[in-house]
């Protein structure tokens, strides 16, 4: 079968809730992936940062195989020999105190909403069913009904109502707006350190530190969604480190398993997760031994192989070289570490056509919010490989005929 055959099968039998580029991938190694026709591509999306460690990292693969031959699932009705070790290693790496493991990023967000609301009632003294969580405009925290309900993007909401109440949206990057929005019923502020899906929007310097102080002053739980920005993507283990702060609750996922197995986690101080008692929240697969063994190795290789430092160094180089491209179609280039957005002017006609051209040139990336190309290669990328990518990117961005 060739690519056309696979695409026809997918279109015939699959739901139409995605619009992927027409490339059918079959194998990956490091920063490279191959399609079923034998063509090689440099991956500049990293499965939305889930494969920070590169495709099919051999040490993570070995951990997956070895654990799968011993024990894969027990449910949380029993203990397993991987969970406590996973907790300890993740807490030491991220300076956290407590961990609650789940499977997906959206599940981690839902977990936080439940925990923070319960904290508001039991600890802060908010009246029953009156708890309010502040979020930011243009946020992206997942796809469940509750989460899309507090999105400000109508594309994510249209046709899915009614939605869960208890959320208030404010402008991203505006500390004064946060301060003005807080009421006696406010229990949490949920924010991304960098808004990835919104187009790699980096907030003003000092914003997160100011937001943290405002939350402390008003007894509000400060929650950072680091599902995409965490675990090395921005050149730090957690993006909060750029602002020298620690959130009360932090969400991680995606790269927590290096792309091998679904696992996410809520990282917390003792006070907030301490309100959850047995039977009040859980997950059949959350914290299973296979996921924990894989995550332990995924974290280990991030640190031992210097991927976080490499992301900082290569990200700085990649951004600087992109800014040297003098295309009349570029509006702005922004990012931190290896999370980079190239926003195009409206007259460019949208970012997707550029992604399609880059695919034909051997580089895979994805448009976001219509006009922005996101570049986020695995953290193992080297300087000569970035130079190879730039040789493909520059002529596409400079081409006049693409419009």
Protein backbone atom coordinates (compact mmCIF):
# COMPACT_ATOMS: atom_id res chain seq x y z
CA UNK A 1 0.00 0.00 0.00
CA UNK A 2 1.15 3.56 -0.67
CA UNK A 3 0.27 6.88 0.96
CA UNK A 4 -2.81 7.37 -1.20
CA UNK A 5 -4.21 3.99 -0.17
CA UNK A 6 -3.76 4.72 3.56
CA UNK A 7 -5.31 8.17 3.22
CA UNK A 8 -8.36 6.72 1.43
CA UNK A 9 -8.83 4.17 4.23
CA UNK A 10 -8.56 6.81 6.92
CA UNK A 11 -11.01 9.13 5.17
CA UNK A 12 -13.48 6.32 4.53
CA UNK A 13 -13.63 4.93 8.07
CA UNK A 14 -12.42 7.71 10.37
CA UNK A 15 -14.26 10.63 11.95
CA UNK A 16 -13.45 13.93 10.29
CA UNK A 17 -12.36 15.81 13.44
CA UNK A 18 -8.80 16.29 12.19
CA UNK A 19 -7.32 17.82 9.07
CA UNK A 20 -3.80 16.37 8.96
CA UNK A 21 -1.21 17.03 6.33
CA UNK A 22 -1.30 14.27 3.74
CA UNK A 23 1.79 12.40 4.89
CA UNK A 24 1.50 8.82 6.19
CA UNK A 25 4.24 8.12 8.71
CA UNK A 26 5.54 4.68 9.55
CA UNK A 27 8.86 4.98 11.41
CA UNK A 28 10.77 7.45 13.59
CA UNK A 29 14.23 7.81 15.09
CA UNK A 30 15.47 10.88 16.95
CA UNK A 31 14.40 13.98 15.04
CA UNK A 32 13.65 12.06 11.83
CA UNK A 33 10.49 10.32 10.65
CA UNK A 34 9.78 8.33 7.46
CA UNK A 35 6.60 7.87 5.48
CA UNK A 36 5.30 4.67 3.92
CA UNK A 37 6.80 5.67 0.57
CA UNK A 38 10.30 5.89 2.05
CA UNK A 39 10.62 9.69 2.25
CA UNK A 40 12.44 11.15 5.26
CA UNK A 41 11.33 14.25 7.17
CA UNK A 42 12.69 16.37 10.00
CA UNK A 43 9.99 16.48 12.67
CA UNK A 44 9.40 20.07 13.77
CA UNK A 45 6.28 19.38 15.82
CA UNK A 46 7.42 16.58 18.17
CA UNK A 47 3.83 15.36 18.49
CA UNK A 48 2.95 18.67 20.17
CA UNK A 49 6.01 18.28 22.45
CA UNK A 50 5.21 14.71 23.51
CA UNK A 51 8.45 13.40 21.99
CA UNK A 52 10.88 15.91 23.45
CA UNK A 53 13.35 13.05 23.88
CA UNK A 54 13.17 12.16 20.19
CA UNK A 55 11.29 9.38 18.45
CA UNK A 56 11.73 5.86 19.81
CA UNK A 57 14.47 6.71 22.31
CA UNK A 58 16.21 3.35 22.88
CA UNK A 59 16.45 3.63 26.69
CA UNK A 60 12.79 4.54 27.09
CA UNK A 61 11.87 1.75 24.67
CA UNK A 62 13.87 -0.72 26.74
CA UNK A 63 12.13 0.42 29.93
CA UNK A 64 8.75 -0.06 28.21
CA UNK A 65 9.61 -3.56 27.01
CA UNK A 66 11.10 -4.71 30.31
CA UNK A 67 8.20 -3.44 32.40
CA UNK A 68 5.60 -4.81 29.96
CA UNK A 69 7.09 -8.26 30.49
CA UNK A 70 6.68 -8.00 34.27
CA UNK A 71 3.49 -6.07 35.10
CA UNK A 72 1.43 -3.51 33.18
CA UNK A 73 -1.67 -2.70 35.23
CA UNK A 74 -2.92 -3.27 38.76
CA UNK A 75 -5.40 -0.39 39.17
CA UNK A 76 -5.02 1.75 42.26
CA UNK A 77 -6.87 -0.85 44.32
CA UNK A 78 -3.35 -2.15 45.01
CA UNK A 79 0.13 -0.67 45.21
CA UNK A 80 2.91 -1.32 42.70
CA UNK A 81 6.68 -1.10 42.90
CA UNK A 82 7.04 1.69 40.31
CA UNK A 83 4.63 4.31 41.64
CA UNK A 84 6.50 5.48 44.74
CA UNK A 85 9.79 5.67 42.86
CA UNK A 86 8.09 7.71 40.12
CA UNK A 87 6.66 10.08 42.72
CA UNK A 88 10.02 10.57 44.41
CA UNK A 89 11.99 11.16 41.22
CA UNK A 90 9.42 13.53 39.71
CA UNK A 91 9.14 15.55 42.94
CA UNK A 92 12.91 15.85 43.27
CA UNK A 93 13.26 16.99 39.67
CA UNK A 94 10.47 19.58 39.85
CA UNK A 95 10.73 20.63 43.53
CA UNK A 96 7.18 19.44 44.17
CA UNK A 97 5.70 17.88 47.30
CA UNK A 98 2.84 15.72 46.07
CA UNK A 99 1.90 13.99 42.81
CA UNK A 100 -1.41 12.78 41.43
CA UNK A 101 -0.94 10.72 38.25
CA UNK A 102 -3.47 10.61 35.40
CA UNK A 103 -3.32 9.63 31.73
CA UNK A 104 -3.89 12.70 29.55
CA UNK A 105 -3.35 16.42 29.83
CA UNK A 106 -7.09 17.07 29.83
CA UNK A 107 -7.53 14.62 32.72
CA UNK A 108 -4.86 16.49 34.67
CA UNK A 109 -6.70 19.77 34.09
CA UNK A 110 -10.00 18.24 35.18
CA UNK A 111 -8.26 16.88 38.29
CA UNK A 112 -6.99 20.33 39.18
CA UNK A 113 -10.43 21.89 38.75
CA UNK A 114 -11.90 19.36 41.18
CA UNK A 115 -9.09 19.67 43.72
CA UNK A 116 -9.00 23.47 43.71
CA UNK A 117 -12.75 23.77 44.04
CA UNK A 118 -12.74 21.37 46.99
CA UNK A 119 -9.86 23.30 48.56
CA UNK A 120 -11.90 26.47 48.15
CA UNK A 121 -14.83 24.98 50.07
CA UNK A 122 -12.90 23.11 52.76
CA UNK A 123 -9.97 25.46 53.37
CA UNK A 124 -10.75 28.94 52.05
CA UNK A 125 -14.38 28.86 53.12
CA UNK A 126 -16.08 29.70 49.83
CA UNK A 127 -19.83 29.10 49.90
CA UNK A 128 -20.94 25.78 48.40
CA UNK A 129 -21.06 25.69 44.57
CA UNK A 130 -19.81 29.30 44.29
CA UNK A 131 -16.11 28.61 43.56
CA UNK A 132 -14.67 30.48 40.61
CA UNK A 133 -11.51 29.82 38.62
CA UNK A 134 -9.91 32.56 36.52
CA UNK A 135 -8.50 31.59 33.11
CA UNK A 136 -6.99 33.54 30.23
CA UNK A 137 -8.39 34.48 26.84
CA UNK A 138 -7.08 32.29 24.00
CA UNK A 139 -6.26 29.52 26.45
CA UNK A 140 -5.98 25.90 25.41
CA UNK A 141 -6.17 23.33 28.20
CA UNK A 142 -7.84 20.35 26.49
CA UNK A 143 -10.98 19.09 24.80
CA UNK A 144 -13.45 17.96 27.48
CA UNK A 145 -16.81 19.70 27.84
CA UNK A 146 -15.74 21.62 30.94
CA UNK A 147 -12.45 22.72 29.41
CA UNK A 148 -13.82 23.85 26.05
CA UNK A 149 -16.53 25.62 28.02
CA UNK A 150 -14.02 28.11 29.38
CA UNK A 151 -12.20 28.51 26.06
CA UNK A 152 -12.67 31.85 24.33
CA UNK A 153 -12.27 30.27 20.88
CA UNK A 154 -15.74 29.68 19.43
CA UNK A 155 -14.32 27.03 17.11
CA UNK A 156 -13.73 24.80 20.15
CA UNK A 157 -17.15 25.57 21.68
CA UNK A 158 -19.63 25.71 18.82
CA UNK A 159 -22.34 23.08 19.14
CA UNK A 160 -21.11 21.57 22.42
CA UNK A 161 -23.05 23.56 25.05
CA UNK A 162 -24.36 23.86 27.69
CA UNK A 163 -21.11 24.34 29.57
CA UNK A 164 -19.89 24.07 33.14
CA UNK A 165 -20.19 27.35 35.08
CA UNK A 166 -17.60 28.79 37.46
CA UNK A 167 -14.97 30.28 35.15
CA UNK A 168 -13.97 33.84 34.31
CA UNK A 169 -11.68 34.77 31.39
CA UNK A 170 -9.25 37.69 31.44
CA UNK A 171 -6.60 38.93 28.98
CA UNK A 172 -3.38 36.91 28.94
CA UNK A 173 -0.25 38.69 30.14
CA UNK A 174 -2.12 41.40 32.07
CA UNK A 175 -1.46 41.22 35.82
CA UNK A 176 -3.76 44.15 36.57
CA UNK A 177 -6.64 42.32 34.87
CA UNK A 178 -6.01 39.35 37.17
CA UNK A 179 -6.01 41.55 40.25
CA UNK A 180 -9.26 43.23 39.21
CA UNK A 181 -10.98 39.92 38.43
CA UNK A 182 -10.39 38.26 41.80
CA UNK A 183 -13.39 38.07 44.12
CA UNK A 184 -14.08 36.40 47.45
CA UNK A 185 -15.18 33.31 45.48
CA UNK A 186 -11.97 33.01 43.46
CA UNK A 187 -10.17 29.76 44.29
CA UNK A 188 -7.65 29.46 41.45
CA UNK A 189 -5.90 31.08 38.51
CA UNK A 190 -5.11 28.66 35.66
CA UNK A 191 -2.63 29.86 33.05
CA UNK A 192 -0.11 28.59 30.50
CA UNK A 193 3.42 30.03 30.88
CA UNK A 194 3.43 30.36 27.08
CA UNK A 195 0.23 29.98 25.08
CA UNK A 196 1.20 27.32 22.56
CA UNK A 197 -2.01 26.69 20.64
CA UNK A 198 -2.75 30.42 20.54
CA UNK A 199 0.37 30.90 18.42
CA UNK A 200 3.32 30.63 20.85
CA UNK A 201 2.38 33.79 22.76
CA UNK A 202 5.08 34.71 25.29
CA UNK A 203 3.83 36.96 28.11
CA UNK A 204 5.64 40.15 29.16
CA UNK A 205 8.70 39.73 31.38
CA UNK A 206 7.71 39.46 35.03
CA UNK A 207 4.07 38.59 34.34
CA UNK A 208 4.10 35.17 35.97
CA UNK A 209 5.97 36.46 39.01
CA UNK A 210 3.43 39.28 39.39
CA UNK A 211 0.56 36.83 38.98
CA UNK A 212 2.05 34.59 41.66
CA UNK A 213 2.29 37.51 44.11
CA UNK A 214 -1.30 38.56 43.40
CA UNK A 215 -2.52 35.02 44.03
CA UNK A 216 -0.58 34.79 47.29
CA UNK A 217 -1.98 38.13 48.46
CA UNK A 218 -5.56 37.02 47.79
CA UNK A 219 -5.31 33.38 48.92
CA UNK A 220 -5.83 32.08 45.39
CA UNK A 221 -4.20 28.88 44.10
CA UNK A 222 -1.72 29.65 41.31
CA UNK A 223 -1.90 26.89 38.67
CA UNK A 224 0.49 26.54 35.72
CA UNK A 225 -0.40 24.31 32.80
CA UNK A 226 3.03 23.08 31.72
CA UNK A 227 1.73 20.14 29.71
CA UNK A 228 3.34 21.57 26.57
CA UNK A 229 5.95 23.96 28.00
CA UNK A 230 7.28 21.64 30.69
CA UNK A 231 10.00 19.00 30.73
CA UNK A 232 12.67 20.88 28.83
CA UNK A 233 10.76 22.42 25.94
CA UNK A 234 11.62 26.04 26.84
CA UNK A 235 15.18 25.34 27.96
CA UNK A 236 14.26 24.70 31.60
CA UNK A 237 12.72 21.65 33.25
CA UNK A 238 9.65 23.83 33.87
CA UNK A 239 8.98 27.15 32.15
CA UNK A 240 8.23 28.72 35.55
CA UNK A 241 11.95 28.63 36.25
CA UNK A 242 12.49 31.51 33.82
CA UNK A 243 10.56 33.70 36.28
CA UNK A 244 12.16 32.16 39.40
CA UNK A 245 8.83 31.07 40.84
CA UNK A 246 7.08 27.88 41.92
CA UNK A 247 3.40 27.37 41.19
CA UNK A 248 1.07 25.95 43.81
CA UNK A 249 -0.09 23.39 41.26
CA UNK A 250 1.69 22.41 38.05
CA UNK A 251 0.37 20.19 35.27
CA UNK A 252 2.73 18.03 33.22
CA UNK A 253 2.08 15.42 30.53
CA UNK A 254 3.07 14.82 26.91
CA UNK A 255 6.87 14.42 27.21
CA UNK A 256 6.45 12.77 30.62
CA UNK A 257 6.60 9.46 28.76
CA UNK A 258 8.72 10.52 25.79
CA UNK A 259 5.76 9.71 23.54
CA UNK A 260 5.64 6.02 24.42
CA UNK A 261 2.61 5.82 26.68
CA UNK A 262 -0.11 8.17 27.97
CA UNK A 263 0.69 9.63 31.38
CA UNK A 264 0.16 13.01 32.99
CA UNK A 265 0.51 14.34 36.50
CA UNK A 266 -0.62 17.07 38.85
CA UNK A 267 2.28 18.40 40.90
CA UNK A 268 1.18 20.11 44.08
CA UNK A 269 1.91 21.52 47.46
CA UNK A 270 0.54 19.41 50.31
CA UNK A 271 -2.38 21.68 51.12
CA UNK A 272 -4.36 21.45 47.88
CA UNK A 273 -4.08 17.76 47.00
CA UNK A 274 -4.51 17.01 50.69
CA UNK A 275 -8.24 17.78 50.44
CA UNK A 276 -8.87 14.70 48.26
CA UNK A 277 -9.86 11.63 50.26
CA UNK A 278 -10.14 7.97 49.15
CA UNK A 279 -12.91 7.43 46.64
CA UNK A 280 -13.26 11.11 45.64
CA UNK A 281 -11.11 10.95 42.52
CA UNK A 282 -9.25 8.32 40.56
CA UNK A 283 -8.40 6.55 37.31
CA UNK A 284 -8.15 2.89 36.38
CA UNK A 285 -4.96 3.42 34.39
CA UNK A 286 -3.60 6.42 36.30
CA UNK A 287 -0.32 5.56 38.00
CA UNK A 288 -0.05 2.11 36.41
CA UNK A 289 3.37 0.44 36.65
CA UNK A 290 4.01 0.49 32.90
CA UNK A 291 3.40 4.24 32.65
CA UNK A 292 5.49 4.93 35.75
CA UNK A 293 8.46 2.87 34.54
CA UNK A 294 8.37 4.61 31.17
CA UNK A 295 8.07 8.06 32.75
CA UNK A 296 10.97 7.42 35.12
CA UNK A 297 13.26 6.67 32.18
CA UNK A 298 11.86 9.53 30.12
CA UNK A 299 12.76 11.96 32.90
CA UNK A 300 16.16 10.37 33.40
CA UNK A 301 17.29 10.74 29.80
CA UNK A 302 16.12 14.38 29.71
CA UNK A 303 18.57 15.14 32.49
CA UNK A 304 21.41 12.69 31.86
CA UNK A 305 21.66 13.45 28.14
CA UNK A 306 21.58 17.23 28.56
CA UNK A 307 18.42 17.73 26.55
CA UNK A 308 17.19 20.67 28.62
CA UNK A 309 20.42 22.60 28.17
CA UNK A 310 20.45 21.70 24.49
CA UNK A 311 16.93 23.09 24.09
CA UNK A 312 18.07 26.41 25.55
CA UNK A 313 21.15 26.63 23.35
CA UNK A 314 19.62 25.35 20.11
CA UNK A 315 16.44 27.35 20.67
CA UNK A 316 18.38 30.58 20.95
CA UNK A 317 20.25 29.74 17.75
CA UNK A 318 17.12 28.67 15.84
CA UNK A 319 15.21 31.85 16.78
CA UNK A 320 18.15 34.10 15.91
CA UNK A 321 18.53 32.51 12.49
CA UNK A 322 14.81 32.67 11.75
CA UNK A 323 14.92 36.39 12.55
CA UNK A 324 17.61 36.79 9.90
CA UNK A 325 15.13 35.72 7.22
CA UNK A 326 14.00 38.94 5.53
CA UNK A 327 10.63 37.85 4.21
CA UNK A 328 7.94 40.44 3.56
CA UNK A 329 5.39 37.87 4.77
CA UNK A 330 6.68 37.56 8.37
CA UNK A 331 4.94 39.61 11.03
CA UNK A 332 6.79 38.33 14.12
CA UNK A 333 9.02 35.53 15.34
CA UNK A 334 8.70 34.64 19.02
CA UNK A 335 9.43 31.78 21.35
CA UNK A 336 11.52 30.39 24.15
CA UNK A 337 13.80 27.41 23.90
CA UNK A 338 12.59 25.10 21.16
CA UNK A 339 8.99 26.34 21.26
CA UNK A 340 8.92 28.82 18.39
CA UNK A 341 6.19 30.57 16.45
CA UNK A 342 6.53 32.36 13.11
CA UNK A 343 3.48 34.58 12.67
CA UNK A 344 2.71 35.58 9.11
CA UNK A 345 0.93 38.69 7.91
CA UNK A 346 -2.70 38.27 6.80
CA UNK A 347 -1.73 38.82 3.16
CA UNK A 348 0.33 35.62 3.31
CA UNK A 349 -2.96 33.73 3.02
CA UNK A 350 -2.65 31.52 6.10
CA UNK A 351 0.10 29.32 7.47
CA UNK A 352 -1.13 25.95 6.24
CA UNK A 353 0.06 26.44 2.66
CA UNK A 354 3.55 27.08 4.01
CA UNK A 355 3.39 23.90 6.09
CA UNK A 356 2.40 21.99 2.96
CA UNK A 357 5.35 23.46 1.05
CA UNK A 358 7.71 22.60 3.91
CA UNK A 359 6.38 19.04 3.96
CA UNK A 360 7.31 18.67 0.30
CA UNK A 361 10.77 19.99 1.19
CA UNK A 362 11.21 17.35 3.91
CA UNK A 363 10.23 19.25 7.05
CA UNK A 364 7.06 18.61 9.06
CA UNK A 365 5.43 21.38 11.10
CA UNK A 366 1.89 22.56 11.78
CA UNK A 367 -0.04 25.78 11.56
CA UNK A 368 -1.77 27.14 14.64
CA UNK A 369 -4.35 29.91 14.89
CA UNK A 370 -4.46 30.29 11.13
CA UNK A 371 -1.44 32.55 10.61
CA UNK A 372 1.34 31.03 12.75
CA UNK A 373 3.77 28.23 11.92
CA UNK A 374 4.96 26.41 15.02
CA UNK A 375 8.49 24.98 15.08
CA UNK A 376 9.13 22.60 17.96
CA UNK A 377 11.65 19.87 17.08
CA UNK A 378 12.76 17.19 19.55
CA UNK A 379 15.21 18.50 22.12
CA UNK A 380 17.99 16.29 20.74
CA UNK A 381 18.34 18.39 17.59
CA UNK A 382 21.85 19.59 16.68
CA UNK A 383 23.11 22.81 15.11
CA UNK A 384 23.80 21.26 11.70
CA UNK A 385 20.29 19.81 11.67
CA UNK A 386 18.81 23.23 12.43
CA UNK A 387 20.91 24.60 9.57
CA UNK A 388 19.45 21.89 7.33
CA UNK A 389 15.95 22.94 8.41
CA UNK A 390 16.71 26.61 7.78
CA UNK A 391 17.80 25.78 4.24
CA UNK A 392 14.27 24.47 3.69
CA UNK A 393 12.43 27.18 5.65
CA UNK A 394 14.03 30.29 4.16
CA UNK A 395 13.13 29.74 0.49
CA UNK A 396 9.55 28.81 1.44
CA UNK A 397 9.13 31.99 3.49
CA UNK A 398 10.84 34.09 0.81
CA UNK A 399 8.90 32.68 -2.14
CA UNK A 400 6.66 35.32 -3.73
CA UNK A 401 4.64 32.82 -5.74
CA UNK A 402 3.26 31.04 -2.68
CA UNK A 403 0.68 33.80 -2.31
